[in-house]
Protein backbone atom coordinates (compact mmCIF):
# COMPACT_ATOMS: atom_id res chain seq x y z
CA UNK A 1 52.29 133.60 119.50
CA UNK A 2 52.78 134.41 115.80
CA UNK A 3 53.38 131.66 113.22
CA UNK A 4 56.79 131.46 111.49
CA UNK A 5 56.88 132.31 107.78
CA UNK A 6 60.19 130.55 107.19
CA UNK A 7 60.26 127.68 104.66
CA UNK A 8 60.51 124.17 106.08
CA UNK A 9 64.09 123.31 106.97
CA UNK A 10 65.68 120.47 105.02
CA UNK A 11 67.85 118.26 107.22
CA UNK A 12 71.56 118.92 106.67
CA UNK A 13 72.27 115.30 105.76
CA UNK A 14 69.57 115.39 103.07
CA UNK A 15 70.88 118.69 101.67
CA UNK A 16 74.39 117.23 101.49
CA UNK A 17 73.09 114.16 99.70
CA UNK A 18 71.22 116.27 97.14
CA UNK A 19 74.34 118.33 96.40
CA UNK A 20 76.41 115.17 96.07
CA UNK A 21 73.91 113.66 93.66
CA UNK A 22 73.74 116.83 91.62
CA UNK A 23 77.53 117.15 91.47
CA UNK A 24 77.87 113.50 90.60
CA UNK A 25 75.42 113.88 87.73
CA UNK A 26 77.26 116.92 86.39
CA UNK A 27 80.58 115.09 86.59
CA UNK A 28 79.14 112.09 84.77
CA UNK A 29 77.67 114.30 82.06
CA UNK A 30 81.01 116.04 81.55
CA UNK A 31 82.76 112.68 81.45
CA UNK A 32 80.39 111.42 78.78
CA UNK A 33 80.78 114.59 76.71
CA UNK A 34 84.55 114.30 76.89
CA UNK A 35 86.12 112.43 73.98
CA UNK A 36 89.52 110.96 73.23
CA UNK A 37 89.82 113.44 70.37
CA UNK A 38 89.43 116.38 72.76
CA UNK A 39 91.94 114.85 75.16
CA UNK A 40 94.47 114.30 72.36
CA UNK A 41 94.01 117.86 71.08
CA UNK A 42 94.46 119.46 74.51
CA UNK A 43 97.40 117.23 75.42
CA UNK A 44 99.15 117.88 72.09
CA UNK A 45 98.99 121.63 72.74
CA UNK A 46 100.46 121.21 76.22
CA UNK A 47 103.12 118.67 75.21
CA UNK A 48 104.20 120.87 72.29
CA UNK A 49 104.46 123.96 74.49
CA UNK A 50 105.80 122.52 77.75
CA UNK A 51 107.12 119.07 76.87
CA UNK A 52 105.76 115.65 77.75
CA UNK A 53 107.75 115.35 80.97
CA UNK A 54 106.66 118.73 82.32
CA UNK A 55 102.95 118.16 81.65
CA UNK A 56 100.76 116.28 84.11
CA UNK A 57 97.32 114.74 83.80
CA UNK A 58 96.15 117.46 86.16
CA UNK A 59 97.31 120.05 83.62
CA UNK A 60 95.37 118.33 80.84
CA UNK A 61 92.27 118.01 83.01
CA UNK A 62 92.47 121.71 83.92
CA UNK A 63 92.51 122.76 80.26
CA UNK A 64 89.50 120.55 79.54
CA UNK A 65 87.75 121.73 82.74
CA UNK A 66 87.20 118.17 83.96
CA UNK A 67 88.53 116.09 86.82
CA UNK A 68 91.48 113.74 86.43
CA UNK A 69 89.03 110.91 87.12
CA UNK A 70 87.16 111.93 83.97
CA UNK A 71 90.35 111.46 81.96
CA UNK A 72 90.79 107.96 83.37
CA UNK A 73 87.37 107.13 81.96
CA UNK A 74 88.92 107.43 78.46
CA UNK A 75 92.67 106.76 78.86
CA UNK A 76 94.84 104.68 81.19
CA UNK A 77 97.67 107.15 81.70
CA UNK A 78 99.71 109.96 80.15
CA UNK A 79 101.71 107.51 78.04
CA UNK A 80 98.53 106.30 76.35
CA UNK A 81 97.68 109.89 75.45
CA UNK A 82 101.12 110.24 73.85
CA UNK A 83 100.49 107.03 71.92
CA UNK A 84 97.17 108.41 70.66
CA UNK A 85 98.89 111.59 69.50
CA UNK A 86 101.35 109.56 67.43
CA UNK A 87 98.54 107.53 65.92
CA UNK A 88 96.57 110.70 65.12
CA UNK A 89 99.45 111.84 62.92
CA UNK A 90 100.33 108.53 61.28
CA UNK A 91 96.75 107.52 60.56
CA UNK A 92 96.12 110.62 58.44
CA UNK A 93 99.57 110.78 56.84
CA UNK A 94 100.29 107.26 55.62
CA UNK A 95 97.42 106.16 53.37
CA UNK A 96 97.18 109.28 51.15
CA UNK A 97 100.95 109.16 50.61
CA UNK A 98 100.78 105.48 49.66
CA UNK A 99 98.07 106.29 47.10
CA UNK A 100 100.23 109.03 45.60
CA UNK A 101 103.26 106.73 45.31
CA UNK A 102 101.27 103.90 43.73
CA UNK A 103 99.41 106.15 41.28
CA UNK A 104 100.15 106.51 37.55
CA UNK A 105 101.40 110.08 37.95
CA UNK A 106 104.88 110.97 36.72
CA UNK A 107 107.62 111.19 39.41
CA UNK A 108 107.72 115.00 39.34
CA UNK A 109 103.99 115.27 40.04
CA UNK A 110 104.19 112.54 42.68
CA UNK A 111 106.89 114.47 44.52
CA UNK A 112 104.89 117.68 44.25
CA UNK A 113 101.77 116.06 45.68
CA UNK A 114 103.68 114.15 48.36
CA UNK A 115 105.28 117.37 49.62
CA UNK A 116 101.95 119.18 49.55
CA UNK A 117 100.28 116.34 51.47
CA UNK A 118 103.02 116.30 54.10
CA UNK A 119 102.82 120.06 54.56
CA UNK A 120 99.03 120.01 54.83
CA UNK A 121 99.22 117.37 57.57
CA UNK A 122 101.90 119.35 59.40
CA UNK A 123 99.91 122.58 59.19
CA UNK A 124 96.59 121.01 60.14
CA UNK A 125 98.06 119.15 63.11
CA UNK A 126 100.93 121.44 64.06
CA UNK A 127 101.03 120.71 67.84
CA UNK A 128 100.69 116.95 67.31
CA UNK A 129 103.42 116.99 64.64
CA UNK A 130 105.71 118.95 66.97
CA UNK A 131 105.15 116.29 69.63
CA UNK A 132 105.70 113.56 67.04
CA UNK A 133 109.24 114.74 66.27
CA UNK A 134 110.31 115.66 69.80
CA UNK A 135 108.82 113.17 72.25
CA UNK A 136 109.62 109.77 70.73
CA UNK A 137 112.15 108.95 73.51
CA UNK A 138 109.17 108.78 75.88
CA UNK A 139 107.60 105.94 73.90
CA UNK A 140 108.37 102.52 75.32
CA UNK A 141 107.86 98.85 74.56
CA UNK A 142 106.27 97.40 71.42
CA UNK A 143 104.60 100.66 70.49
CA UNK A 144 107.97 102.41 70.22
CA UNK A 145 109.11 99.74 67.75
CA UNK A 146 105.84 100.06 65.82
CA UNK A 147 106.30 103.82 65.46
CA UNK A 148 109.90 103.39 64.27
CA UNK A 149 108.81 100.88 61.63
CA UNK A 150 105.96 103.07 60.41
CA UNK A 151 108.24 106.11 60.24
CA UNK A 152 110.72 104.20 58.10
CA UNK A 153 107.91 103.01 55.84
CA UNK A 154 106.75 106.60 55.44
CA UNK A 155 110.26 107.75 54.53
CA UNK A 156 110.57 104.87 52.09
CA UNK A 157 107.58 106.19 50.12
CA UNK A 158 109.55 109.35 49.37
CA UNK A 159 112.62 107.29 48.48
CA UNK A 160 110.54 105.32 45.98
CA UNK A 161 109.41 108.53 44.28
CA UNK A 162 112.99 109.75 43.98
CA UNK A 163 114.26 106.38 42.74
CA UNK A 164 111.51 106.32 40.12
CA UNK A 165 112.46 109.82 39.02
CA UNK A 166 116.11 108.84 38.77
CA UNK A 167 115.26 105.74 36.75
CA UNK A 168 113.40 107.89 34.22
CA UNK A 169 116.11 110.60 34.22
CA UNK A 170 113.76 113.17 35.76
CA UNK A 171 115.82 113.59 38.94
CA UNK A 172 119.59 113.80 39.36
CA UNK A 173 121.09 110.32 39.53
CA UNK A 174 124.04 111.31 41.73
CA UNK A 175 121.80 112.15 44.70
CA UNK A 176 121.27 109.37 47.25
CA UNK A 177 117.47 108.88 47.56
CA UNK A 178 117.73 108.39 51.32
CA UNK A 179 119.70 111.62 51.80
CA UNK A 180 117.30 113.47 49.51
CA UNK A 181 114.38 112.16 51.56
CA UNK A 182 115.96 113.34 54.80
CA UNK A 183 116.45 116.78 53.24
CA UNK A 184 112.87 117.00 51.97
CA UNK A 185 111.27 115.82 55.19
CA UNK A 186 113.60 117.96 57.29
CA UNK A 187 112.48 121.05 55.40
CA UNK A 188 108.84 120.06 55.79
CA UNK A 189 109.16 119.08 59.47
CA UNK A 190 110.38 122.53 60.44
CA UNK A 191 107.05 123.94 59.30
CA UNK A 192 105.52 122.90 62.62
CA UNK A 193 107.94 125.26 64.41
CA UNK A 194 107.07 128.45 62.58
CA UNK A 195 103.78 128.03 60.69
CA UNK A 196 100.73 129.88 62.01
CA UNK A 197 97.25 129.72 60.41
CA UNK A 198 97.00 133.52 60.46
CA UNK A 199 100.31 133.91 58.64
CA UNK A 200 100.83 135.42 55.20
CA UNK A 201 100.87 132.15 53.26
CA UNK A 202 98.50 129.20 53.15
CA UNK A 203 99.80 125.63 53.44
CA UNK A 204 99.15 125.14 49.72
CA UNK A 205 101.23 128.22 48.86
CA UNK A 206 104.05 127.05 51.10
CA UNK A 207 103.94 123.63 49.45
CA UNK A 208 104.25 125.28 46.02
CA UNK A 209 107.31 127.26 47.14
CA UNK A 210 108.94 124.23 48.77
CA UNK A 211 108.38 122.17 45.64
CA UNK A 212 109.85 124.93 43.47
CA UNK A 213 112.97 124.92 45.64
CA UNK A 214 113.25 121.15 45.32
CA UNK A 215 112.73 121.16 41.57
CA UNK A 216 114.75 124.20 40.57
CA UNK A 217 116.81 125.34 43.56
CA UNK A 218 117.30 129.04 44.26
CA UNK A 219 119.71 129.93 41.46
CA UNK A 220 118.34 131.42 38.27
CA UNK A 221 119.16 129.62 35.05
CA UNK A 222 122.27 131.02 33.31
CA UNK A 223 120.91 130.17 29.90
């Protein structure tokens, strides 16, 4: 009788265990490589495109090519991801603006730099900024109040610049600083709806044009 040349058979249970261990290791490695920053970035894209309510954790996991369990390793739920998106915008927007407002620059230059800063943040974080201005109703509890307070503080920085310019006769005194702030920020906010990095103008160029509109309007001088 001839001898078999087949390789030794590994028991099915042992093969299954090896596959399970290998898969478990791969899942763990992916989970460790995954970061909150990556989750926030992917979720911001989905929330901006589809809306917070229409996006599930499964959708976010699919984009990141991980399991939903891997997401839970970093975040508690979808609401926490939304919270992190809001913080990702505020944490880069607030401090530089405060420094501009409290600097020794003249009001005109402060306004120019404040607008440029706001536009740069909006362009650099376009999906997150879109989420920021559309999904606030989904924030609940103390964090919702915190965001409202921080938003008002941010707006107040622009009001301070305008008030300073009015006090030194640089800006028109008959314009309500709060209304002017709403107009400025409204113009800047819309950037997140149409700006694309491959477009004709850079964020800095757009900021220059926006500032020119604010300072001089669109009408040519009649002098």
